Amino acid sequence: MKITINKTEQELNDGLNLKQVLEQMPNIPESGIAVAVNGDVVPKTDWESRIIADGDAIMVIRAFYGG
């Protein structure tokens, strides 16, 4: 399947959940992030149950501190 992560197209196997997709991305940390799929924020508690489909757009936002 083809998906987009932060505006970069990725080719992945079908049937993956959001957690599995994020684990395959080497530059995405496990904590300190918020994730939206097709514009809808997905709570971390739902990452394992949210199945990613062909054409989905995932946006990962990293939290940072400072001023």
C-alpha atoms as a PDB file:
ATOM      1  CA  MET A   1       0.000   0.000   0.000  1.00  0.00           C
ATOM      2  CA  LYS A   2       1.050   3.589  -0.543  1.00  0.00           C
ATOM      3  CA  ILE A   3       0.650   6.059   2.308  1.00  0.00           C
ATOM      4  CA  THR A   4       2.030   9.491   3.091  1.00  0.00           C
ATOM      5  CA  ILE A   5       3.896  10.286   6.294  1.00  0.00           C
ATOM      6  CA  ASN A   6       4.619  13.972   6.846  1.00  0.00           C
ATOM      7  CA  LYS A   7       4.180  14.625   3.114  1.00  0.00           C
ATOM      8  CA  THR A   8       6.594  11.833   2.120  1.00  0.00           C
ATOM      9  CA  GLU A   9       5.188   8.859   0.216  1.00  0.00           C
ATOM     10  CA  GLN A  10       5.937   5.433   1.677  1.00  0.00           C
ATOM     11  CA  GLU A  11       5.316   1.942   0.315  1.00  0.00           C
ATOM     12  CA  LEU A  12       4.365  -0.531   3.074  1.00  0.00           C
ATOM     13  CA  ASN A  13       2.688  -3.917   3.470  1.00  0.00           C
ATOM     14  CA  ASP A  14      -1.108  -4.018   3.711  1.00  0.00           C
ATOM     15  CA  GLY A  15      -2.915  -4.608   6.999  1.00  0.00           C
ATOM     16  CA  LEU A  16      -0.582  -2.723   9.326  1.00  0.00           C
ATOM     17  CA  ASN A  17      -1.860  -0.826  12.310  1.00  0.00           C
ATOM     18  CA  LEU A  18      -0.661   2.681  13.136  1.00  0.00           C
ATOM     19  CA  LYS A  19       1.780   1.479  15.808  1.00  0.00           C
ATOM     20  CA  GLN A  20       3.419  -0.936  13.351  1.00  0.00           C
ATOM     21  CA  VAL A  21       3.737   1.780  10.718  1.00  0.00           C
ATOM     22  CA  LEU A  22       5.393   4.156  13.188  1.00  0.00           C
ATOM     23  CA  GLU A  23       7.787   1.434  14.357  1.00  0.00           C
ATOM     24  CA  GLN A  24       8.992   1.008  10.759  1.00  0.00           C
ATOM     25  CA  MET A  25       9.952   4.670  10.487  1.00  0.00           C
ATOM     26  CA  PRO A  26      13.498   5.079  11.884  1.00  0.00           C
ATOM     27  CA  ASN A  27      13.259   8.833  12.511  1.00  0.00           C
ATOM     28  CA  ILE A  28      10.050   8.755  14.544  1.00  0.00           C
ATOM     29  CA  PRO A  29      10.429   8.388  18.335  1.00  0.00           C
ATOM     30  CA  GLU A  30       8.002   6.299  20.386  1.00  0.00           C
ATOM     31  CA  SER A  31       7.194   9.090  22.818  1.00  0.00           C
ATOM     32  CA  GLY A  32       6.735  12.822  22.685  1.00  0.00           C
ATOM     33  CA  ILE A  33       4.667  12.770  19.511  1.00  0.00           C
ATOM     34  CA  ALA A  34       1.078  13.335  18.425  1.00  0.00           C
ATOM     35  CA  VAL A  35      -0.249  11.520  15.360  1.00  0.00           C
ATOM     36  CA  ALA A  36      -3.113  12.359  13.004  1.00  0.00           C
ATOM     37  CA  VAL A  37      -4.457  10.121  10.250  1.00  0.00           C
ATOM     38  CA  ASN A  38      -6.307  11.925   7.467  1.00  0.00           C
ATOM     39  CA  GLY A  39      -6.562  15.003   9.669  1.00  0.00           C
ATOM     40  CA  ASP A  40      -7.981  13.224  12.734  1.00  0.00           C
ATOM     41  CA  VAL A  41      -5.799  12.936  15.845  1.00  0.00           C
ATOM     42  CA  VAL A  42      -5.446   9.313  16.961  1.00  0.00           C
ATOM     43  CA  PRO A  43      -4.909   8.869  20.723  1.00  0.00           C
ATOM     44  CA  LYS A  44      -1.926   6.668  21.580  1.00  0.00           C
ATOM     45  CA  THR A  45      -4.313   4.196  23.207  1.00  0.00           C
ATOM     46  CA  ASP A  46      -5.842   3.589  19.742  1.00  0.00           C
ATOM     47  CA  TRP A  47      -2.629   3.137  17.738  1.00  0.00           C
ATOM     48  CA  GLU A  48      -2.839  -0.679  17.822  1.00  0.00           C
ATOM     49  CA  SER A  49      -6.486  -0.797  16.751  1.00  0.00           C
ATOM     50  CA  ARG A  50      -6.227   1.854  13.985  1.00  0.00           C
ATOM     51  CA  ILE A  51      -5.581  -0.045  10.743  1.00  0.00           C
ATOM     52  CA  ILE A  52      -3.859   1.999   8.057  1.00  0.00           C
ATOM     53  CA  ALA A  53      -5.316   1.834   4.540  1.00  0.00           C
ATOM     54  CA  ASP A  54      -3.896   2.553   1.105  1.00  0.00           C
ATOM     55  CA  GLY A  55      -3.869   6.304   0.497  1.00  0.00           C
ATOM     56  CA  ASP A  56      -3.943   7.343   4.162  1.00  0.00           C
ATOM     57  CA  ALA A  57      -2.051  10.485   5.133  1.00  0.00           C
ATOM     58  CA  ILE A  58      -0.270  10.376   8.486  1.00  0.00           C
ATOM     59  CA  MET A  59       1.050  13.499  10.163  1.00  0.00           C
ATOM     60  CA  VAL A  60       3.482  13.114  13.060  1.00  0.00           C
ATOM     61  CA  ILE A  61       4.096  16.132  15.269  1.00  0.00           C
ATOM     62  CA  ARG A  62       6.941  16.101  17.772  1.00  0.00           C
ATOM     63  CA  ALA A  63       6.552  17.895  21.073  1.00  0.00           C
ATOM     64  CA  PHE A  64       9.393  20.177  22.035  1.00  0.00           C
ATOM     65  CA  TYR A  65      10.130  22.482  24.929  1.00  0.00           C
ATOM     66  CA  GLY A  66      11.519  25.952  24.932  1.00  0.00           C
ATOM     67  CA  GLY A  67      10.524  29.445  24.331  1.00  0.00           C
END
